Amino acid sequence: MTRLVMPIAILFIGLLAACSPTDTSEEAGQHYQGYAEARLLYLAPRTLGPLTSVMVEEGDQVASGAPLFSLDDGTAKARLEQAEAALSAARARLADLRAGGRKENIAAARQGVAQARAALKLAQDNYARSKELVAKGQAPQSRLDRDTAALSQTQAALRAEEARLALIRAPARKDAIAAAAEEVRRQKALVAQSAKALNDLQVVAPTAGSVQSLIRRVGEIAGPSQPVLALLPPAQLRIRFFIPERKLGAIQVGQRVKLTCDGCDEARQGRIIFIAQGAEFTPPVIFTEKERQKLVFMAEVLPDDPTRFHPGQPVLVVLP
C-alpha cells in the first residue's frame, strides 16, 4: 500500500508543477514578452509605366535622396521638348509685339520715307523755279499750278510714309501684348508640369533606411497602386509588447526599458512611446521560451541601430 501511495503523490506533484507558470518574471512586473514590428514604406511611382532600372538590392542600406528605381521616360521627354518649343515660340511672339515690328519692315518703311523726302525736295525745287519764271514772264501760269499741285502731293506722300514708319515701329495694342504674355505664362506652366512628370519617373528614397523586399523587377509594370519595393526607415522599427491589465497603472509613456533577445551580446535600451487606449486579448505571436527555441531567422549584418532587430523577432522587454 505504501509503495502505491508514493508514486501517486509524486505524479500529483508533477502535474501541479506542469500546470504552474514556468516564467514568473511577468508576475514580478519586470519582464514582458514582445516582438519587433516593422512599419514599412511601400514606394511606388506617381505614374504607370514599365520599370527600366532598379538601382538597389534587398538588404541594401540607402541614404535619403538615393536613387531607387526609374520608369521608361521616352514619352515624358518628348512632351517636355514639345512644351519647351511652344514656350520659345510664345516668347518670340511677345517680344515681336513689344518691339513693334520686324527689322525688315522697319527698314523698308524708312526707305519709303527717304524716297518721299527726295521727291519732296525735287517738287520744292521745281515749284521755286516755276514761280521765278512765271514772275519774270518766262513761263506760263499753268506750269506753276502744276508744280504747286506736285508739291502738295509730295508733302502728303511724305506724311503718309512717316506715319507708316511710326505705325510699324510702335508696339502692338495693349490687349494683344497682354494676351501674348498670358500665353507665355501658360506655356511656362506646361513646361514645369512636363519637367515634373519626367522627374517623377526617377524615384529616390524619401528617407534613409534598408531595402526589405523588391516587389517588382525590370520590365514589369509599376504604378501608384503597384509599389516596386519596401523600405524600412530605422525609426519605424518598434518593439511591441503587451502589458497585463493589473500592471497598466505602473507603466507610462516615456519610461525607459531594457531590451534583450536571443543571441544579443548585451541588453539594449528603449523608450515606451505609445500605450493603446483599448484592451485586447493576448495575441498568439507572443512566444514562450519553449516555442522560441523552434524559431529560426535569416542572419544579416546590420549597423548598431534599431534595425539590428529583425522584424518579427521575439524580444524581452525589461522594466527597471
C-alpha atoms as a PDB file:
ATOM      1  CA  MET A   1       0.000   0.000   0.000  1.00  0.00           C
ATOM      2  CA  THR A   2       2.831   2.355   0.835  1.00  0.00           C
ATOM      3  CA  ARG A   3       4.520   1.607  -2.476  1.00  0.00           C
ATOM      4  CA  LEU A   4       1.322   2.601  -4.334  1.00  0.00           C
ATOM      5  CA  VAL A   5       0.783   5.894  -2.492  1.00  0.00           C
ATOM      6  CA  MET A   6       4.297   7.214  -3.140  1.00  0.00           C
ATOM      7  CA  PRO A   7       4.118   7.065  -6.973  1.00  0.00           C
ATOM      8  CA  ILE A   8       0.650   8.690  -6.912  1.00  0.00           C
ATOM      9  CA  ALA A   9       1.950  11.532  -4.752  1.00  0.00           C
ATOM     10  CA  ILE A  10       4.937  12.047  -6.983  1.00  0.00           C
ATOM     11  CA  LEU A  11       2.633  12.096 -10.055  1.00  0.00           C
ATOM     12  CA  PHE A  12       0.320  14.664  -8.419  1.00  0.00           C
ATOM     13  CA  ILE A  13       3.240  16.948  -7.581  1.00  0.00           C
ATOM     14  CA  GLY A  14       4.455  16.663 -11.144  1.00  0.00           C
ATOM     15  CA  LEU A  15       1.062  17.646 -12.510  1.00  0.00           C
ATOM     16  CA  LEU A  16       0.961  20.701 -10.284  1.00  0.00           C
ATOM     17  CA  ALA A  17       4.401  21.690 -11.469  1.00  0.00           C
ATOM     18  CA  ALA A  18       3.311  21.324 -15.103  1.00  0.00           C
ATOM     19  CA  CYS A  19       0.225  23.473 -14.557  1.00  0.00           C
ATOM     20  CA  SER A  20       2.123  26.255 -12.812  1.00  0.00           C
ATOM     21  CA  PRO A  21       3.648  29.064 -14.997  1.00  0.00           C
ATOM     22  CA  THR A  22       7.278  28.439 -15.906  1.00  0.00           C
ATOM     23  CA  ASP A  23       8.068  32.149 -16.296  1.00  0.00           C
ATOM     24  CA  THR A  24       7.396  34.083 -13.076  1.00  0.00           C
ATOM     25  CA  SER A  25       9.043  37.244 -14.384  1.00  0.00           C
ATOM     26  CA  GLU A  26       5.682  38.664 -15.510  1.00  0.00           C
ATOM     27  CA  GLU A  27       4.297  38.127 -12.012  1.00  0.00           C
ATOM     28  CA  ALA A  28       7.113  40.318 -10.730  1.00  0.00           C
ATOM     29  CA  GLY A  29       6.023  43.017 -13.180  1.00  0.00           C
ATOM     30  CA  GLN A  30       9.539  43.378 -14.653  1.00  0.00           C
ATOM     31  CA  HIS A  31       9.736  41.221 -17.813  1.00  0.00           C
ATOM     32  CA  TYR A  32       7.347  41.127 -20.805  1.00  0.00           C
ATOM     33  CA  GLN A  33       7.488  39.103 -23.975  1.00  0.00           C
ATOM     34  CA  GLY A  34       7.381  41.198 -27.163  1.00  0.00           C
ATOM     35  CA  TYR A  35       8.498  41.213 -30.784  1.00  0.00           C
ATOM     36  CA  ALA A  36       9.995  43.558 -33.356  1.00  0.00           C
ATOM     37  CA  GLU A  37       7.388  45.271 -35.520  1.00  0.00           C
ATOM     38  CA  ALA A  38       8.434  46.836 -38.854  1.00  0.00           C
ATOM     39  CA  ARG A  39       6.436  49.723 -40.346  1.00  0.00           C
ATOM     40  CA  LEU A  40       7.447  49.510 -43.983  1.00  0.00           C
ATOM     41  CA  LEU A  41       7.241  52.231 -46.616  1.00  0.00           C
ATOM     42  CA  TYR A  42       5.936  50.806 -49.894  1.00  0.00           C
ATOM     43  CA  LEU A  43       7.398  53.022 -52.612  1.00  0.00           C
ATOM     44  CA  ALA A  44       5.659  53.359 -55.968  1.00  0.00           C
ATOM     45  CA  PRO A  45       5.918  55.802 -58.904  1.00  0.00           C
ATOM     46  CA  ARG A  46       3.320  58.526 -59.430  1.00  0.00           C
ATOM     47  CA  THR A  47       2.547  57.355 -62.956  1.00  0.00           C
ATOM     48  CA  LEU A  48       2.029  53.977 -64.610  1.00  0.00           C
ATOM     49  CA  GLY A  49       4.804  52.548 -66.771  1.00  0.00           C
ATOM     50  CA  PRO A  50       7.392  49.802 -67.278  1.00  0.00           C
ATOM     51  CA  LEU A  51      10.414  49.589 -64.981  1.00  0.00           C
ATOM     52  CA  THR A  52      13.662  50.245 -66.839  1.00  0.00           C
ATOM     53  CA  SER A  53      16.120  50.066 -63.923  1.00  0.00           C
ATOM     54  CA  VAL A  54      16.295  49.151 -60.235  1.00  0.00           C
ATOM     55  CA  MET A  55      19.396  50.510 -58.510  1.00  0.00           C
ATOM     56  CA  VAL A  56      19.173  48.604 -55.199  1.00  0.00           C
ATOM     57  CA  GLU A  57      19.051  45.052 -53.900  1.00  0.00           C
ATOM     58  CA  GLU A  58      17.298  43.530 -50.918  1.00  0.00           C
ATOM     59  CA  GLY A  59      19.210  44.292 -47.721  1.00  0.00           C
ATOM     60  CA  ASP A  60      20.889  47.451 -49.083  1.00  0.00           C
ATOM     61  CA  GLN A  61      21.199  50.441 -46.769  1.00  0.00           C
ATOM     62  CA  VAL A  62      20.266  53.621 -48.660  1.00  0.00           C
ATOM     63  CA  ALA A  63      20.611  57.282 -47.730  1.00  0.00           C
ATOM     64  CA  SER A  64      17.878  59.870 -48.075  1.00  0.00           C
ATOM     65  CA  GLY A  65      17.672  61.015 -51.707  1.00  0.00           C
ATOM     66  CA  ALA A  66      19.458  57.944 -53.077  1.00  0.00           C
ATOM     67  CA  PRO A  67      18.084  56.736 -56.465  1.00  0.00           C
ATOM     68  CA  LEU A  68      15.974  53.597 -56.140  1.00  0.00           C
ATOM     69  CA  PHE A  69      14.344  52.851 -59.497  1.00  0.00           C
ATOM     70  CA  SER A  70      13.177  54.501 -62.702  1.00  0.00           C
ATOM     71  CA  LEU A  71      10.482  54.067 -65.338  1.00  0.00           C
ATOM     72  CA  ASP A  72      10.603  54.459 -69.116  1.00  0.00           C
ATOM     73  CA  ASP A  73      10.940  58.206 -69.836  1.00  0.00           C
ATOM     74  CA  GLY A  74      10.752  58.378 -73.632  1.00  0.00           C
ATOM     75  CA  THR A  75       7.233  59.801 -73.802  1.00  0.00           C
ATOM     76  CA  ALA A  76       7.851  62.217 -70.921  1.00  0.00           C
ATOM     77  CA  LYS A  77      10.998  63.592 -72.596  1.00  0.00           C
ATOM     78  CA  ALA A  78       9.144  64.151 -75.882  1.00  0.00           C
ATOM     79  CA  ARG A  79       6.375  66.034 -74.075  1.00  0.00           C
ATOM     80  CA  LEU A  80       8.922  68.210 -72.299  1.00  0.00           C
ATOM     81  CA  GLU A  81      10.685  69.059 -75.570  1.00  0.00           C
ATOM     82  CA  GLN A  82       7.338  69.926 -77.169  1.00  0.00           C
ATOM     83  CA  ALA A  83       6.415  72.187 -74.253  1.00  0.00           C
ATOM     84  CA  GLU A  84       9.805  73.936 -74.364  1.00  0.00           C
ATOM     85  CA  ALA A  85       9.425  74.570 -78.121  1.00  0.00           C
ATOM     86  CA  ALA A  86       5.965  76.054 -77.596  1.00  0.00           C
ATOM     87  CA  LEU A  87       7.331  78.285 -74.846  1.00  0.00           C
ATOM     88  CA  SER A  88      10.110  79.582 -77.126  1.00  0.00           C
ATOM     89  CA  ALA A  89       7.567  80.423 -79.832  1.00  0.00           C
ATOM     90  CA  ALA A  90       5.326  82.245 -77.341  1.00  0.00           C
ATOM     91  CA  ARG A  91       8.256  84.267 -76.034  1.00  0.00           C
ATOM     92  CA  ALA A  92       9.285  85.246 -79.578  1.00  0.00           C
ATOM     93  CA  ARG A  93       5.767  86.430 -80.412  1.00  0.00           C
ATOM     94  CA  LEU A  94       5.581  88.508 -77.237  1.00  0.00           C
ATOM     95  CA  ALA A  95       8.959  90.099 -77.973  1.00  0.00           C
ATOM     96  CA  ASP A  96       7.847  90.859 -81.526  1.00  0.00           C
ATOM     97  CA  LEU A  97       4.657  92.563 -80.336  1.00  0.00           C
ATOM     98  CA  ARG A  98       6.542  94.615 -77.772  1.00  0.00           C
ATOM     99  CA  ALA A  99       9.244  95.611 -80.273  1.00  0.00           C
ATOM    100  CA  GLY A 100       6.617  96.938 -82.705  1.00  0.00           C
ATOM    101  CA  GLY A 101       7.580  95.191 -85.924  1.00  0.00           C
ATOM    102  CA  ARG A 102      10.360  93.289 -87.616  1.00  0.00           C
ATOM    103  CA  LYS A 103      13.632  94.905 -88.592  1.00  0.00           C
ATOM    104  CA  GLU A 104      12.982  94.195 -92.289  1.00  0.00           C
ATOM    105  CA  ASN A 105       9.628  96.010 -92.212  1.00  0.00           C
ATOM    106  CA  ILE A 106      11.111  98.976 -90.362  1.00  0.00           C
ATOM    107  CA  ALA A 107      13.971  99.193 -92.868  1.00  0.00           C
ATOM    108  CA  ALA A 108      11.514  99.168 -95.810  1.00  0.00           C
ATOM    109  CA  ALA A 109       9.415 101.888 -94.178  1.00  0.00           C
ATOM    110  CA  ARG A 110      12.479 104.033 -93.602  1.00  0.00           C
ATOM    111  CA  GLN A 111      13.415 103.616 -97.260  1.00  0.00           C
ATOM    112  CA  GLY A 112       9.925 104.805 -98.224  1.00  0.00           C
ATOM    113  CA  VAL A 113      10.353 107.897 -96.049  1.00  0.00           C
ATOM    114  CA  ALA A 114      13.707 108.645 -97.672  1.00  0.00           C
ATOM    115  CA  GLN A 115      12.217 108.365-101.164  1.00  0.00           C
ATOM    116  CA  ALA A 116       9.303 110.618-100.187  1.00  0.00           C
ATOM    117  CA  ARG A 117      11.709 113.230 -98.841  1.00  0.00           C
ATOM    118  CA  ALA A 118      13.727 113.099-102.057  1.00  0.00           C
ATOM    119  CA  ALA A 119      10.558 113.534-104.106  1.00  0.00           C
ATOM    120  CA  LEU A 120       9.536 116.454-101.887  1.00  0.00           C
ATOM    121  CA  LYS A 121      12.937 118.090-102.388  1.00  0.00           C
ATOM    122  CA  LEU A 122      12.526 117.803-106.185  1.00  0.00           C
ATOM    123  CA  ALA A 123       8.978 119.178-106.033  1.00  0.00           C
ATOM    124  CA  GLN A 124      10.137 122.120-103.910  1.00  0.00           C
ATOM    125  CA  ASP A 125      12.919 122.936-106.387  1.00  0.00           C
ATOM    126  CA  ASN A 126      10.510 122.717-109.358  1.00  0.00           C
ATOM    127  CA  TYR A 127       7.988 124.920-107.565  1.00  0.00           C
ATOM    128  CA  ALA A 128      10.618 127.557-106.745  1.00  0.00           C
ATOM    129  CA  ARG A 129      11.946 127.600-110.336  1.00  0.00           C
ATOM    130  CA  SER A 130       8.468 127.798-111.869  1.00  0.00           C
ATOM    131  CA  LYS A 131       7.486 130.607-109.525  1.00  0.00           C
ATOM    132  CA  GLU A 132      10.560 132.589-110.506  1.00  0.00           C
ATOM    133  CA  LEU A 133       9.999 132.029-114.234  1.00  0.00           C
ATOM    134  CA  VAL A 134       6.332 132.952-114.044  1.00  0.00           C
ATOM    135  CA  ALA A 135       7.215 136.109-112.166  1.00  0.00           C
ATOM    136  CA  LYS A 136       9.625 137.064-114.997  1.00  0.00           C
ATOM    137  CA  GLY A 137       7.047 136.162-117.623  1.00  0.00           C
ATOM    138  CA  GLN A 138       9.220 133.367-118.999  1.00  0.00           C
ATOM    139  CA  ALA A 139       6.786 130.531-118.177  1.00  0.00           C
ATOM    140  CA  PRO A 140       3.010 130.184-118.229  1.00  0.00           C
ATOM    141  CA  GLN A 141       0.891 130.147-115.067  1.00  0.00           C
ATOM    142  CA  SER A 142      -0.161 126.583-115.812  1.00  0.00           C
ATOM    143  CA  ARG A 143       3.358 125.364-115.130  1.00  0.00           C
ATOM    144  CA  LEU A 144       3.334 126.988-111.705  1.00  0.00           C
ATOM    145  CA  ASP A 145      -0.073 125.476-110.969  1.00  0.00           C
ATOM    146  CA  ARG A 146       1.196 122.030-111.979  1.00  0.00           C
ATOM    147  CA  ASP A 147       4.305 122.294-109.776  1.00  0.00           C
ATOM    148  CA  THR A 148       2.223 123.629-106.878  1.00  0.00           C
ATOM    149  CA  ALA A 149      -0.029 120.582-107.067  1.00  0.00           C
ATOM    150  CA  ALA A 150       3.005 118.264-107.309  1.00  0.00           C
ATOM    151  CA  LEU A 151       4.481 119.902-104.218  1.00  0.00           C
ATOM    152  CA  SER A 152       1.291 119.320-102.258  1.00  0.00           C
ATOM    153  CA  GLN A 153       1.206 115.681-103.358  1.00  0.00           C
ATOM    154  CA  THR A 154       4.800 115.000-102.340  1.00  0.00           C
ATOM    155  CA  GLN A 155       4.234 116.643 -98.969  1.00  0.00           C
ATOM    156  CA  ALA A 156       1.219 114.403 -98.390  1.00  0.00           C
ATOM    157  CA  ALA A 157       3.191 111.374 -99.546  1.00  0.00           C
ATOM    158  CA  LEU A 158       5.969 112.162 -97.059  1.00  0.00           C
ATOM    159  CA  ARG A 159       3.483 112.476 -94.229  1.00  0.00           C
ATOM    160  CA  ALA A 160       1.979 109.125 -95.186  1.00  0.00           C
ATOM    161  CA  GLU A 161       5.369 107.380 -95.246  1.00  0.00           C
ATOM    162  CA  GLU A 162       6.331 108.868 -91.889  1.00  0.00           C
ATOM    163  CA  ALA A 163       3.034 107.716 -90.390  1.00  0.00           C
ATOM    164  CA  ARG A 164       3.585 104.212 -91.811  1.00  0.00           C
ATOM    165  CA  LEU A 165       7.055 104.084 -90.247  1.00  0.00           C
ATOM    166  CA  ALA A 166       5.715 105.238 -86.885  1.00  0.00           C
ATOM    167  CA  LEU A 167       2.969 102.595 -87.040  1.00  0.00           C
ATOM    168  CA  ILE A 168       5.413  99.801 -87.787  1.00  0.00           C
ATOM    169  CA  ARG A 169       7.807 100.902 -85.051  1.00  0.00           C
ATOM    170  CA  ALA A 170       5.059 101.307 -82.453  1.00  0.00           C
ATOM    171  CA  PRO A 171       4.298  98.333 -80.161  1.00  0.00           C
ATOM    172  CA  ALA A 172       1.107  96.362 -80.581  1.00  0.00           C
ATOM    173  CA  ARG A 173      -2.080  97.161 -78.739  1.00  0.00           C
ATOM    174  CA  LYS A 174      -2.077  96.550 -75.001  1.00  0.00           C
ATOM    175  CA  ASP A 175      -4.674  93.802 -75.220  1.00  0.00           C
ATOM    176  CA  ALA A 176      -2.623  91.893 -77.815  1.00  0.00           C
ATOM    177  CA  ILE A 177       0.505  92.175 -75.675  1.00  0.00           C
ATOM    178  CA  ALA A 178      -1.414  91.071 -72.589  1.00  0.00           C
ATOM    179  CA  ALA A 179      -2.761  88.017 -74.442  1.00  0.00           C
ATOM    180  CA  ALA A 180       0.724  87.105 -75.649  1.00  0.00           C
ATOM    181  CA  ALA A 181       2.113  87.488 -72.116  1.00  0.00           C
ATOM    182  CA  GLU A 182      -0.629  85.192 -70.768  1.00  0.00           C
ATOM    183  CA  GLU A 183       0.276  82.609 -73.389  1.00  0.00           C
ATOM    184  CA  VAL A 184       3.899  82.735 -72.236  1.00  0.00           C
ATOM    185  CA  ARG A 185       2.800  82.111 -68.643  1.00  0.00           C
ATOM    186  CA  ARG A 186       0.641  79.185 -69.764  1.00  0.00           C
ATOM    187  CA  GLN A 187       3.496  77.620 -71.689  1.00  0.00           C
ATOM    188  CA  LYS A 188       5.794  78.044 -68.684  1.00  0.00           C
ATOM    189  CA  ALA A 189       3.313  76.119 -66.558  1.00  0.00           C
ATOM    190  CA  LEU A 190       3.185  73.343 -69.164  1.00  0.00           C
ATOM    191  CA  VAL A 191       6.984  73.138 -69.189  1.00  0.00           C
ATOM    192  CA  ALA A 192       7.069  72.909 -65.387  1.00  0.00           C
ATOM    193  CA  GLN A 193       4.371  70.240 -65.441  1.00  0.00           C
ATOM    194  CA  SER A 194       6.215  68.220 -68.085  1.00  0.00           C
ATOM    195  CA  ALA A 195       9.507  68.534 -66.212  1.00  0.00           C
ATOM    196  CA  LYS A 196       7.875  67.307 -63.006  1.00  0.00           C
ATOM    197  CA  ALA A 197       6.313  64.361 -64.824  1.00  0.00           C
ATOM    198  CA  LEU A 198       9.749  63.444 -66.156  1.00  0.00           C
ATOM    199  CA  ASN A 199      11.350  63.855 -62.743  1.00  0.00           C
ATOM    200  CA  ASP A 200       8.679  61.652 -61.116  1.00  0.00           C
ATOM    201  CA  LEU A 201       9.866  58.742 -63.233  1.00  0.00           C
ATOM    202  CA  GLN A 202      13.133  58.755 -61.259  1.00  0.00           C
ATOM    203  CA  VAL A 203      12.162  57.654 -57.723  1.00  0.00           C
ATOM    204  CA  VAL A 204      14.534  58.361 -54.839  1.00  0.00           C
ATOM    205  CA  ALA A 205      14.476  57.326 -51.186  1.00  0.00           C
ATOM    206  CA  PRO A 206      12.335  59.737 -49.121  1.00  0.00           C
ATOM    207  CA  THR A 207      14.393  58.847 -46.052  1.00  0.00           C
ATOM    208  CA  ALA A 208      17.323  56.659 -45.053  1.00  0.00           C
ATOM    209  CA  GLY A 209      16.577  53.007 -44.460  1.00  0.00           C
ATOM    210  CA  SER A 210      17.116  49.410 -45.534  1.00  0.00           C
ATOM    211  CA  VAL A 211      15.532  47.740 -48.542  1.00  0.00           C
ATOM    212  CA  GLN A 212      13.428  44.902 -47.148  1.00  0.00           C
ATOM    213  CA  SER A 213      11.984  43.450 -50.346  1.00  0.00           C
ATOM    214  CA  LEU A 214      11.807  44.029 -54.092  1.00  0.00           C
ATOM    215  CA  ILE A 215       8.229  43.573 -55.227  1.00  0.00           C
ATOM    216  CA  ARG A 216       8.773  44.162 -58.966  1.00  0.00           C
ATOM    217  CA  ARG A 217      11.665  43.673 -61.364  1.00  0.00           C
ATOM    218  CA  VAL A 218      12.919  45.399 -64.513  1.00  0.00           C
ATOM    219  CA  GLY A 219      10.410  45.019 -67.326  1.00  0.00           C
ATOM    220  CA  GLU A 220       7.353  44.764 -65.088  1.00  0.00           C
ATOM    221  CA  ILE A 221       4.683  47.464 -64.920  1.00  0.00           C
ATOM    222  CA  ALA A 222       4.647  49.725 -61.855  1.00  0.00           C
ATOM    223  CA  GLY A 223       2.233  52.467 -60.867  1.00  0.00           C
ATOM    224  CA  PRO A 224       0.674  54.390 -57.980  1.00  0.00           C
ATOM    225  CA  SER A 225      -1.067  51.243 -56.702  1.00  0.00           C
ATOM    226  CA  GLN A 226       1.742  48.874 -57.736  1.00  0.00           C
ATOM    227  CA  PRO A 227       4.782  49.512 -55.481  1.00  0.00           C
ATOM    228  CA  VAL A 228       8.256  48.468 -56.526  1.00  0.00           C
ATOM    229  CA  LEU A 229       9.959  47.945 -53.165  1.00  0.00           C
ATOM    230  CA  ALA A 230       9.513  48.107 -49.405  1.00  0.00           C
ATOM    231  CA  LEU A 231      11.822  50.375 -47.385  1.00  0.00           C
ATOM    232  CA  LEU A 232      12.302  50.248 -43.614  1.00  0.00           C
ATOM    233  CA  PRO A 233      13.473  53.515 -42.004  1.00  0.00           C
ATOM    234  CA  PRO A 234      15.340  52.908 -38.707  1.00  0.00           C
ATOM    235  CA  ALA A 235      12.838  54.944 -36.701  1.00  0.00           C
ATOM    236  CA  GLN A 236       9.968  52.768 -37.970  1.00  0.00           C
ATOM    237  CA  LEU A 237      11.150  49.548 -36.322  1.00  0.00           C
ATOM    238  CA  ARG A 238       9.345  49.273 -32.979  1.00  0.00           C
ATOM    239  CA  ILE A 239       9.333  46.679 -30.195  1.00  0.00           C
ATOM    240  CA  ARG A 240       5.721  45.757 -29.460  1.00  0.00           C
ATOM    241  CA  PHE A 241       4.820  44.095 -26.155  1.00  0.00           C
ATOM    242  CA  PHE A 242       1.655  43.648 -24.111  1.00  0.00           C
ATOM    243  CA  ILE A 243       1.087  44.909 -20.598  1.00  0.00           C
ATOM    244  CA  PRO A 244      -1.199  42.962 -18.201  1.00  0.00           C
ATOM    245  CA  GLU A 245      -4.187  44.996 -17.086  1.00  0.00           C
ATOM    246  CA  ARG A 246      -3.124  44.807 -13.432  1.00  0.00           C
ATOM    247  CA  LYS A 247       0.254  46.359 -14.274  1.00  0.00           C
ATOM    248  CA  LEU A 248      -1.087  49.168 -16.516  1.00  0.00           C
ATOM    249  CA  GLY A 249      -1.008  51.860 -13.816  1.00  0.00           C
ATOM    250  CA  ALA A 250       2.702  51.303 -13.116  1.00  0.00           C
ATOM    251  CA  ILE A 251       3.862  51.827 -16.723  1.00  0.00           C
ATOM    252  CA  GLN A 252       3.877  55.205 -18.501  1.00  0.00           C
ATOM    253  CA  VAL A 253       4.726  56.663 -21.902  1.00  0.00           C
ATOM    254  CA  GLY A 254       8.338  57.882 -21.885  1.00  0.00           C
ATOM    255  CA  GLN A 255       9.534  55.218 -19.446  1.00  0.00           C
ATOM    256  CA  ARG A 256      12.974  53.763 -20.196  1.00  0.00           C
ATOM    257  CA  VAL A 257      13.296  49.971 -20.658  1.00  0.00           C
ATOM    258  CA  LYS A 258      15.921  47.342 -21.484  1.00  0.00           C
ATOM    259  CA  LEU A 259      15.560  45.052 -24.499  1.00  0.00           C
ATOM    260  CA  THR A 260      17.105  41.588 -24.732  1.00  0.00           C
ATOM    261  CA  CYS A 261      16.827  38.901 -27.359  1.00  0.00           C
ATOM    262  CA  ASP A 262      18.264  35.513 -28.277  1.00  0.00           C
ATOM    263  CA  GLY A 263      21.831  35.956 -29.450  1.00  0.00           C
ATOM    264  CA  CYS A 264      22.083  39.607 -28.360  1.00  0.00           C
ATOM    265  CA  ASP A 265      25.544  40.267 -26.964  1.00  0.00           C
ATOM    266  CA  GLU A 266      24.226  42.818 -24.481  1.00  0.00           C
ATOM    267  CA  ALA A 267      20.994  44.429 -23.358  1.00  0.00           C
ATOM    268  CA  ARG A 268      19.833  47.408 -25.393  1.00  0.00           C
ATOM    269  CA  GLN A 269      17.857  50.428 -24.366  1.00  0.00           C
ATOM    270  CA  GLY A 270      14.482  51.772 -25.414  1.00  0.00           C
ATOM    271  CA  ARG A 271      11.673  54.093 -24.519  1.00  0.00           C
ATOM    272  CA  ILE A 272       7.913  53.487 -24.363  1.00  0.00           C
ATOM    273  CA  ILE A 273       6.296  55.824 -26.900  1.00  0.00           C
ATOM    274  CA  PHE A 274       2.715  54.515 -27.056  1.00  0.00           C
ATOM    275  CA  ILE A 275       0.158  52.735 -24.885  1.00  0.00           C
ATOM    276  CA  ALA A 276      -3.152  51.828 -26.532  1.00  0.00           C
ATOM    277  CA  GLN A 277      -6.379  53.143 -25.054  1.00  0.00           C
ATOM    278  CA  GLY A 278      -8.348  49.954 -25.723  1.00  0.00           C
ATOM    279  CA  ALA A 279      -7.720  46.442 -24.397  1.00  0.00           C
ATOM    280  CA  GLU A 280      -7.297  43.251 -26.489  1.00  0.00           C
ATOM    281  CA  PHE A 281      -6.619  39.579 -25.960  1.00  0.00           C
ATOM    282  CA  THR A 282      -3.010  38.372 -25.869  1.00  0.00           C
ATOM    283  CA  PRO A 283      -2.049  37.605 -29.496  1.00  0.00           C
ATOM    284  CA  PRO A 284      -0.599  34.174 -30.415  1.00  0.00           C
ATOM    285  CA  VAL A 285       2.593  35.823 -31.708  1.00  0.00           C
ATOM    286  CA  ILE A 286       3.880  36.144 -28.135  1.00  0.00           C
ATOM    287  CA  PHE A 287       6.042  33.045 -27.893  1.00  0.00           C
ATOM    288  CA  THR A 288       7.029  31.097 -24.774  1.00  0.00           C
ATOM    289  CA  GLU A 289      10.642  30.142 -24.073  1.00  0.00           C
ATOM    290  CA  LYS A 290       9.959  26.630 -25.350  1.00  0.00           C
ATOM    291  CA  GLU A 291       8.378  27.833 -28.609  1.00  0.00           C
ATOM    292  CA  ARG A 292      11.139  30.393 -29.253  1.00  0.00           C
ATOM    293  CA  GLN A 293      13.670  27.582 -29.492  1.00  0.00           C
ATOM    294  CA  LYS A 294      11.864  26.324 -32.606  1.00  0.00           C
ATOM    295  CA  LEU A 295      12.219  29.641 -34.476  1.00  0.00           C
ATOM    296  CA  VAL A 296      14.982  30.374 -36.964  1.00  0.00           C
ATOM    297  CA  PHE A 297      15.844  33.762 -38.558  1.00  0.00           C
ATOM    298  CA  MET A 298      17.958  34.736 -41.536  1.00  0.00           C
ATOM    299  CA  ALA A 299      21.114  36.412 -40.266  1.00  0.00           C
ATOM    300  CA  GLU A 300      22.209  39.768 -41.696  1.00  0.00           C
ATOM    301  CA  VAL A 301      24.939  42.146 -40.632  1.00  0.00           C
ATOM    302  CA  LEU A 302      23.370  45.423 -39.643  1.00  0.00           C
ATOM    303  CA  PRO A 303      24.874  48.553 -38.079  1.00  0.00           C
ATOM    304  CA  ASP A 304      24.440  49.425 -34.427  1.00  0.00           C
ATOM    305  CA  ASP A 305      20.974  50.966 -34.747  1.00  0.00           C
ATOM    306  CA  PRO A 306      17.362  49.813 -34.200  1.00  0.00           C
ATOM    307  CA  THR A 307      17.456  47.694 -37.361  1.00  0.00           C
ATOM    308  CA  ARG A 308      19.654  45.191 -35.501  1.00  0.00           C
ATOM    309  CA  PHE A 309      16.323  43.655 -34.524  1.00  0.00           C
ATOM    310  CA  HIS A 310      14.756  41.522 -37.209  1.00  0.00           C
ATOM    311  CA  PRO A 311      11.057  42.211 -37.907  1.00  0.00           C
ATOM    312  CA  GLY A 312       9.057  39.558 -36.066  1.00  0.00           C
ATOM    313  CA  GLN A 313      11.943  38.621 -33.765  1.00  0.00           C
ATOM    314  CA  PRO A 314      10.921  37.843 -30.140  1.00  0.00           C
ATOM    315  CA  VAL A 315      12.271  40.431 -27.721  1.00  0.00           C
ATOM    316  CA  LEU A 316      12.183  40.502 -23.931  1.00  0.00           C
ATOM    317  CA  VAL A 317      11.241  43.919 -22.542  1.00  0.00           C
ATOM    318  CA  VAL A 318      12.784  44.533 -19.118  1.00  0.00           C
ATOM    319  CA  LEU A 319      11.456  47.333 -16.945  1.00  0.00           C
ATOM    320  CA  PRO A 320      13.666  48.722 -14.153  1.00  0.00           C
END
